[in-house]
Amino acid sequence: MEESSSSSSATMLKLTASDYSIWKSRMEGILYCKDLYEPLQLLGQPKEKSDDAWSILNRKFVRQIRQWVDQSVLHHVA
């Protein structure tokens, strides 16, 4: 199932039980293009980011991922 909520994600597909490898590479690309890559790269909050800034970035990161996870597998995503 495809959605086109924005031009950069027009070809993005929702994660299902059978398409993780394709979904993962596309999701990484979207996260980098939207400057949401820090939570993906880092093990924790960088010292130069305030708690509020990190919290907001992390929420955007999680929201972007959840948008592209099909309901059939959503319960597997922490």
PDB file of N, CA and C in Angstrom:
ATOM      1  N   MET A   1       0.835  -1.178   0.000  1.00  0.00           N
ATOM      2  CA  MET A   1       0.000   0.000   0.000  1.00  0.00           C
ATOM      3  C   MET A   1       0.879   1.239   0.000  1.00  0.00           C
ATOM      4  N   GLU A   2       0.637   2.157  -0.885  1.00  0.00           N
ATOM      5  CA  GLU A   2       1.445   3.365  -0.971  1.00  0.00           C
ATOM      6  C   GLU A   2       0.606   4.577  -0.602  1.00  0.00           C
ATOM      7  N   GLU A   3       1.264   5.576  -0.032  1.00  0.00           N
ATOM      8  CA  GLU A   3       0.642   6.845   0.282  1.00  0.00           C
ATOM      9  C   GLU A   3       1.516   7.935  -0.281  1.00  0.00           C
ATOM     10  N   SER A   4       0.945   9.097  -0.488  1.00  0.00           N
ATOM     11  CA  SER A   4       1.745  10.207  -0.999  1.00  0.00           C
ATOM     12  C   SER A   4       1.459  11.459  -0.195  1.00  0.00           C
ATOM     13  N   SER A   5       1.848  11.469   1.080  1.00  0.00           N
ATOM     14  CA  SER A   5       1.609  12.614   1.940  1.00  0.00           C
ATOM     15  C   SER A   5       2.559  13.762   1.658  1.00  0.00           C
ATOM     16  N   SER A   6       3.684  13.478   1.019  1.00  0.00           N
ATOM     17  CA  SER A   6       4.606  14.532   0.613  1.00  0.00           C
ATOM     18  C   SER A   6       5.390  14.056  -0.594  1.00  0.00           C
ATOM     19  N   SER A   7       5.959  14.986  -1.309  1.00  0.00           N
ATOM     20  CA  SER A   7       6.654  14.603  -2.538  1.00  0.00           C
ATOM     21  C   SER A   7       7.865  13.721  -2.281  1.00  0.00           C
ATOM     22  N   SER A   8       8.583  13.913  -1.147  1.00  0.00           N
ATOM     23  CA  SER A   8       9.768  13.101  -0.883  1.00  0.00           C
ATOM     24  C   SER A   8       9.434  11.669  -0.503  1.00  0.00           C
ATOM     25  N   SER A   9       8.203  11.425  -0.073  1.00  0.00           N
ATOM     26  CA  SER A   9       7.842  10.075   0.339  1.00  0.00           C
ATOM     27  C   SER A   9       6.768   9.482  -0.570  1.00  0.00           C
ATOM     28  N   ALA A  10       6.634   9.992  -1.776  1.00  0.00           N
ATOM     29  CA  ALA A  10       5.598   9.537  -2.691  1.00  0.00           C
ATOM     30  C   ALA A  10       5.761   8.071  -3.059  1.00  0.00           C
ATOM     31  N   THR A  11       6.969   7.527  -3.040  1.00  0.00           N
ATOM     32  CA  THR A  11       7.165   6.136  -3.396  1.00  0.00           C
ATOM     33  C   THR A  11       7.401   5.253  -2.175  1.00  0.00           C
ATOM     34  N   MET A  12       7.160   5.777  -0.994  1.00  0.00           N
ATOM     35  CA  MET A  12       7.359   5.003   0.229  1.00  0.00           C
ATOM     36  C   MET A  12       6.227   4.006   0.387  1.00  0.00           C
ATOM     37  N   LEU A  13       6.568   2.833   0.901  1.00  0.00           N
ATOM     38  CA  LEU A  13       5.574   1.813   1.158  1.00  0.00           C
ATOM     39  C   LEU A  13       5.517   1.548   2.653  1.00  0.00           C
ATOM     40  N   LYS A  14       4.387   1.066   3.101  1.00  0.00           N
ATOM     41  CA  LYS A  14       4.232   0.758   4.515  1.00  0.00           C
ATOM     42  C   LYS A  14       4.917  -0.565   4.841  1.00  0.00           C
ATOM     43  N   LEU A  15       5.526  -0.617   6.004  1.00  0.00           N
ATOM     44  CA  LEU A  15       6.179  -1.835   6.477  1.00  0.00           C
ATOM     45  C   LEU A  15       5.138  -2.904   6.737  1.00  0.00           C
ATOM     46  N   THR A  16       5.375  -4.084   6.173  1.00  0.00           N
ATOM     47  CA  THR A  16       4.546  -5.255   6.439  1.00  0.00           C
ATOM     48  C   THR A  16       5.473  -6.391   6.858  1.00  0.00           C
ATOM     49  N   ALA A  17       4.912  -7.532   7.073  1.00  0.00           N
ATOM     50  CA  ALA A  17       5.709  -8.686   7.500  1.00  0.00           C
ATOM     51  C   ALA A  17       6.659  -9.179   6.408  1.00  0.00           C
ATOM     52  N   SER A  18       6.474  -8.744   5.175  1.00  0.00           N
ATOM     53  CA  SER A  18       7.276  -9.316   4.089  1.00  0.00           C
ATOM     54  C   SER A  18       8.174  -8.340   3.332  1.00  0.00           C
ATOM     55  N   ASP A  19       8.243  -7.064   3.759  1.00  0.00           N
ATOM     56  CA  ASP A  19       9.021  -6.119   2.956  1.00  0.00           C
ATOM     57  C   ASP A  19      10.011  -5.294   3.772  1.00  0.00           C
ATOM     58  N   TYR A  20      10.515  -5.827   4.860  1.00  0.00           N
ATOM     59  CA  TYR A  20      11.391  -5.050   5.742  1.00  0.00           C
ATOM     60  C   TYR A  20      12.642  -4.526   5.048  1.00  0.00           C
ATOM     61  N   SER A  21      13.324  -5.342   4.270  1.00  0.00           N
ATOM     62  CA  SER A  21      14.598  -4.899   3.684  1.00  0.00           C
ATOM     63  C   SER A  21      14.415  -3.709   2.732  1.00  0.00           C
ATOM     64  N   ILE A  22      13.363  -3.712   1.951  1.00  0.00           N
ATOM     65  CA  ILE A  22      13.080  -2.581   1.061  1.00  0.00           C
ATOM     66  C   ILE A  22      12.650  -1.372   1.882  1.00  0.00           C
ATOM     67  N   TRP A  23      11.736  -1.581   2.831  1.00  0.00           N
ATOM     68  CA  TRP A  23      11.227  -0.500   3.686  1.00  0.00           C
ATOM     69  C   TRP A  23      12.356   0.174   4.450  1.00  0.00           C
ATOM     70  N   LYS A  24      13.276  -0.606   5.001  1.00  0.00           N
ATOM     71  CA  LYS A  24      14.358  -0.064   5.825  1.00  0.00           C
ATOM     72  C   LYS A  24      15.212   0.920   5.039  1.00  0.00           C
ATOM     73  N   SER A  25      15.629   0.552   3.849  1.00  0.00           N
ATOM     74  CA  SER A  25      16.491   1.446   3.080  1.00  0.00           C
ATOM     75  C   SER A  25      15.747   2.710   2.666  1.00  0.00           C
ATOM     76  N   ARG A  26      14.495   2.581   2.312  1.00  0.00           N
ATOM     77  CA  ARG A  26      13.708   3.767   1.957  1.00  0.00           C
ATOM     78  C   ARG A  26      13.474   4.659   3.178  1.00  0.00           C
ATOM     79  N   MET A  27      13.210   4.051   4.325  1.00  0.00           N
ATOM     80  CA  MET A  27      12.969   4.827   5.544  1.00  0.00           C
ATOM     81  C   MET A  27      14.231   5.589   5.957  1.00  0.00           C
ATOM     82  N   GLU A  28      15.376   4.966   5.863  1.00  0.00           N
ATOM     83  CA  GLU A  28      16.629   5.660   6.183  1.00  0.00           C
ATOM     84  C   GLU A  28      16.805   6.875   5.288  1.00  0.00           C
ATOM     85  N   GLY A  29      16.499   6.741   4.013  1.00  0.00           N
ATOM     86  CA  GLY A  29      16.596   7.862   3.091  1.00  0.00           C
ATOM     87  C   GLY A  29      15.678   9.006   3.471  1.00  0.00           C
ATOM     88  N   ILE A  30      14.457   8.689   3.824  1.00  0.00           N
ATOM     89  CA  ILE A  30      13.502   9.723   4.245  1.00  0.00           C
ATOM     90  C   ILE A  30      13.987  10.418   5.506  1.00  0.00           C
ATOM     91  N   LEU A  31      14.468   9.646   6.483  1.00  0.00           N
ATOM     92  CA  LEU A  31      14.934  10.238   7.740  1.00  0.00           C
ATOM     93  C   LEU A  31      16.110  11.177   7.506  1.00  0.00           C
ATOM     94  N   TYR A  32      17.022  10.814   6.630  1.00  0.00           N
ATOM     95  CA  TYR A  32      18.158  11.684   6.322  1.00  0.00           C
ATOM     96  C   TYR A  32      17.698  12.938   5.583  1.00  0.00           C
ATOM     97  N   CYS A  33      16.804  12.796   4.628  1.00  0.00           N
ATOM     98  CA  CYS A  33      16.323  13.954   3.877  1.00  0.00           C
ATOM     99  C   CYS A  33      15.568  14.945   4.756  1.00  0.00           C
ATOM    100  N   LYS A  34      14.931  14.456   5.784  1.00  0.00           N
ATOM    101  CA  LYS A  34      14.165  15.322   6.688  1.00  0.00           C
ATOM    102  C   LYS A  34      14.983  15.739   7.911  1.00  0.00           C
ATOM    103  N   ASP A  35      16.289  15.498   7.897  1.00  0.00           N
ATOM    104  CA  ASP A  35      17.185  15.836   9.017  1.00  0.00           C
ATOM    105  C   ASP A  35      16.725  15.222  10.336  1.00  0.00           C
ATOM    106  N   LEU A  36      16.267  13.987  10.276  1.00  0.00           N
ATOM    107  CA  LEU A  36      15.826  13.259  11.466  1.00  0.00           C
ATOM    108  C   LEU A  36      16.734  12.060  11.733  1.00  0.00           C
ATOM    109  N   TYR A  37      17.978  12.147  11.319  1.00  0.00           N
ATOM    110  CA  TYR A  37      18.888  11.005  11.384  1.00  0.00           C
ATOM    111  C   TYR A  37      19.596  10.851  12.729  1.00  0.00           C
ATOM    112  N   GLU A  38      19.683  11.908  13.545  1.00  0.00           N
ATOM    113  CA  GLU A  38      20.458  11.811  14.787  1.00  0.00           C
ATOM    114  C   GLU A  38      20.000  10.684  15.712  1.00  0.00           C
ATOM    115  N   PRO A  39      18.698  10.504  15.949  1.00  0.00           N
ATOM    116  CA  PRO A  39      18.309   9.370  16.803  1.00  0.00           C
ATOM    117  C   PRO A  39      18.688   8.016  16.212  1.00  0.00           C
ATOM    118  N   LEU A  40      18.819   7.962  14.896  1.00  0.00           N
ATOM    119  CA  LEU A  40      19.212   6.724  14.217  1.00  0.00           C
ATOM    120  C   LEU A  40      20.693   6.439  14.416  1.00  0.00           C
ATOM    121  N   GLN A  41      21.518   7.478  14.428  1.00  0.00           N
ATOM    122  CA  GLN A  41      22.971   7.323  14.510  1.00  0.00           C
ATOM    123  C   GLN A  41      23.497   7.256  15.939  1.00  0.00           C
ATOM    124  N   LEU A  42      22.879   7.984  16.831  1.00  0.00           N
ATOM    125  CA  LEU A  42      23.436   8.151  18.171  1.00  0.00           C
ATOM    126  C   LEU A  42      22.817   7.168  19.163  1.00  0.00           C
ATOM    127  N   LEU A  43      23.579   6.832  20.185  1.00  0.00           N
ATOM    128  CA  LEU A  43      23.070   5.947  21.232  1.00  0.00           C
ATOM    129  C   LEU A  43      22.340   6.714  22.320  1.00  0.00           C
ATOM    130  N   GLY A  44      22.496   8.009  22.339  1.00  0.00           N
ATOM    131  CA  GLY A  44      21.844   8.831  23.343  1.00  0.00           C
ATOM    132  C   GLY A  44      21.834  10.278  22.920  1.00  0.00           C
ATOM    133  N   GLN A  45      21.346  11.104  23.807  1.00  0.00           N
ATOM    134  CA  GLN A  45      21.239  12.531  23.538  1.00  0.00           C
ATOM    135  C   GLN A  45      22.611  13.183  23.490  1.00  0.00           C
ATOM    136  N   PRO A  46      22.886  13.948  22.429  1.00  0.00           N
ATOM    137  CA  PRO A  46      24.162  14.654  22.368  1.00  0.00           C
ATOM    138  C   PRO A  46      24.214  15.764  23.420  1.00  0.00           C
ATOM    139  N   LYS A  47      25.393  16.043  23.938  1.00  0.00           N
ATOM    140  CA  LYS A  47      25.552  17.050  24.994  1.00  0.00           C
ATOM    141  C   LYS A  47      25.126  18.432  24.533  1.00  0.00           C
ATOM    142  N   GLU A  48      25.310  18.730  23.245  1.00  0.00           N
ATOM    143  CA  GLU A  48      24.994  20.070  22.758  1.00  0.00           C
ATOM    144  C   GLU A  48      23.503  20.313  22.537  1.00  0.00           C
ATOM    145  N   LYS A  49      22.661  19.289  22.645  1.00  0.00           N
ATOM    146  CA  LYS A  49      21.217  19.448  22.482  1.00  0.00           C
ATOM    147  C   LYS A  49      20.539  19.526  23.839  1.00  0.00           C
ATOM    148  N   SER A  50      19.624  20.468  23.967  1.00  0.00           N
ATOM    149  CA  SER A  50      18.843  20.572  25.206  1.00  0.00           C
ATOM    150  C   SER A  50      17.868  19.399  25.288  1.00  0.00           C
ATOM    151  N   ASP A  51      17.372  19.152  26.487  1.00  0.00           N
ATOM    152  CA  ASP A  51      16.394  18.076  26.668  1.00  0.00           C
ATOM    153  C   ASP A  51      15.162  18.300  25.801  1.00  0.00           C
ATOM    154  N   ASP A  52      14.691  19.544  25.751  1.00  0.00           N
ATOM    155  CA  ASP A  52      13.506  19.855  24.950  1.00  0.00           C
ATOM    156  C   ASP A  52      13.757  19.636  23.463  1.00  0.00           C
ATOM    157  N   ALA A  53      14.898  20.100  22.975  1.00  0.00           N
ATOM    158  CA  ALA A  53      15.219  19.937  21.555  1.00  0.00           C
ATOM    159  C   ALA A  53      15.341  18.458  21.190  1.00  0.00           C
ATOM    160  N   TRP A  54      15.971  17.678  22.058  1.00  0.00           N
ATOM    161  CA  TRP A  54      16.125  16.244  21.800  1.00  0.00           C
ATOM    162  C   TRP A  54      14.773  15.536  21.831  1.00  0.00           C
ATOM    163  N   SER A  55      13.940  15.903  22.771  1.00  0.00           N
ATOM    164  CA  SER A  55      12.612  15.301  22.881  1.00  0.00           C
ATOM    165  C   SER A  55      11.783  15.567  21.631  1.00  0.00           C
ATOM    166  N   ILE A  56      11.824  16.794  21.143  1.00  0.00           N
ATOM    167  CA  ILE A  56      11.074  17.142  19.934  1.00  0.00           C
ATOM    168  C   ILE A  56      11.612  16.387  18.725  1.00  0.00           C
ATOM    169  N   LEU A  57      12.929  16.341  18.571  1.00  0.00           N
ATOM    170  CA  LEU A  57      13.537  15.615  17.456  1.00  0.00           C
ATOM    171  C   LEU A  57      13.173  14.135  17.515  1.00  0.00           C
ATOM    172  N   ASN A  58      13.241  13.559  18.687  1.00  0.00           N
ATOM    173  CA  ASN A  58      12.926  12.145  18.848  1.00  0.00           C
ATOM    174  C   ASN A  58      11.454  11.863  18.516  1.00  0.00           C
ATOM    175  N   ARG A  59      10.566  12.740  18.931  1.00  0.00           N
ATOM    176  CA  ARG A  59       9.140  12.556  18.627  1.00  0.00           C
ATOM    177  C   ARG A  59       8.885  12.639  17.128  1.00  0.00           C
ATOM    178  N   LYS A  60       9.559  13.558  16.435  1.00  0.00           N
ATOM    179  CA  LYS A  60       9.427  13.654  14.980  1.00  0.00           C
ATOM    180  C   LYS A  60       9.949  12.389  14.305  1.00  0.00           C
ATOM    181  N   PHE A  61      11.069  11.889  14.811  1.00  0.00           N
ATOM    182  CA  PHE A  61      11.686  10.661  14.301  1.00  0.00           C
ATOM    183  C   PHE A  61      10.706   9.485  14.429  1.00  0.00           C
ATOM    184  N   VAL A  62      10.165   9.308  15.618  1.00  0.00           N
ATOM    185  CA  VAL A  62       9.232   8.199  15.875  1.00  0.00           C
ATOM    186  C   VAL A  62       7.969   8.358  15.037  1.00  0.00           C
ATOM    187  N   ARG A  63       7.460   9.574  14.937  1.00  0.00           N
ATOM    188  CA  ARG A  63       6.245   9.827  14.148  1.00  0.00           C
ATOM    189  C   ARG A  63       6.460   9.463  12.681  1.00  0.00           C
ATOM    190  N   GLN A  64       7.615   9.835  12.152  1.00  0.00           N
ATOM    191  CA  GLN A  64       7.905   9.538  10.754  1.00  0.00           C
ATOM    192  C   GLN A  64       7.926   8.034  10.515  1.00  0.00           C
ATOM    193  N   ILE A  65       8.501   7.285  11.430  1.00  0.00           N
ATOM    194  CA  ILE A  65       8.556   5.829  11.288  1.00  0.00           C
ATOM    195  C   ILE A  65       7.163   5.218  11.409  1.00  0.00           C
ATOM    196  N   ARG A  66       6.426   5.607  12.435  1.00  0.00           N
ATOM    197  CA  ARG A  66       5.085   5.039  12.644  1.00  0.00           C
ATOM    198  C   ARG A  66       4.149   5.302  11.481  1.00  0.00           C
ATOM    199  N   GLN A  67       4.330   6.417  10.800  1.00  0.00           N
ATOM    200  CA  GLN A  67       3.494   6.750   9.650  1.00  0.00           C
ATOM    201  C   GLN A  67       3.593   5.685   8.565  1.00  0.00           C
ATOM    202  N   TRP A  68       4.729   5.036   8.484  1.00  0.00           N
ATOM    203  CA  TRP A  68       4.976   4.076   7.412  1.00  0.00           C
ATOM    204  C   TRP A  68       5.045   2.634   7.901  1.00  0.00           C
ATOM    205  N   VAL A  69       4.333   2.352   8.994  1.00  0.00           N
ATOM    206  CA  VAL A  69       4.225   0.982   9.506  1.00  0.00           C
ATOM    207  C   VAL A  69       2.769   0.557   9.389  1.00  0.00           C
ATOM    208  N   ASP A  70       2.531  -0.535   8.715  1.00  0.00           N
ATOM    209  CA  ASP A  70       1.174  -1.038   8.533  1.00  0.00           C
ATOM    210  C   ASP A  70       0.595  -1.499   9.866  1.00  0.00           C
ATOM    211  N   GLN A  71      -0.696  -1.349  10.032  1.00  0.00           N
ATOM    212  CA  GLN A  71      -1.358  -1.749  11.276  1.00  0.00           C
ATOM    213  C   GLN A  71      -1.151  -3.218  11.608  1.00  0.00           C
ATOM    214  N   SER A  72      -0.966  -4.023  10.603  1.00  0.00           N
ATOM    215  CA  SER A  72      -0.812  -5.458  10.833  1.00  0.00           C
ATOM    216  C   SER A  72       0.484  -5.801  11.596  1.00  0.00           C
ATOM    217  N   VAL A  73       1.468  -4.910  11.586  1.00  0.00           N
ATOM    218  CA  VAL A  73       2.732  -5.163  12.295  1.00  0.00           C
ATOM    219  C   VAL A  73       3.047  -4.079  13.327  1.00  0.00           C
ATOM    220  N   LEU A  74       2.151  -3.129  13.509  1.00  0.00           N
ATOM    221  CA  LEU A  74       2.405  -2.014  14.416  1.00  0.00           C
ATOM    222  C   LEU A  74       2.693  -2.473  15.840  1.00  0.00           C
ATOM    223  N   HIS A  75       2.049  -3.528  16.281  1.00  0.00           N
ATOM    224  CA  HIS A  75       2.269  -4.025  17.652  1.00  0.00           C
ATOM    225  C   HIS A  75       3.683  -4.580  17.857  1.00  0.00           C
ATOM    226  N   HIS A  76       4.432  -4.831  16.797  1.00  0.00           N
ATOM    227  CA  HIS A  76       5.803  -5.307  16.902  1.00  0.00           C
ATOM    228  C   HIS A  76       6.820  -4.162  17.010  1.00  0.00           C
ATOM    229  N   VAL A  77       6.372  -2.936  16.766  1.00  0.00           N
ATOM    230  CA  VAL A  77       7.268  -1.770  16.779  1.00  0.00           C
ATOM    231  C   VAL A  77       7.203  -1.113  18.149  1.00  0.00           C
ATOM    232  N   ALA A  78       8.339  -1.056  18.805  1.00  0.00           N
ATOM    233  CA  ALA A  78       8.374  -0.450  20.146  1.00  0.00           C
ATOM    234  C   ALA A  78       8.504   1.046  20.044  1.00  0.00           C
TER     235      ALA A  78
END
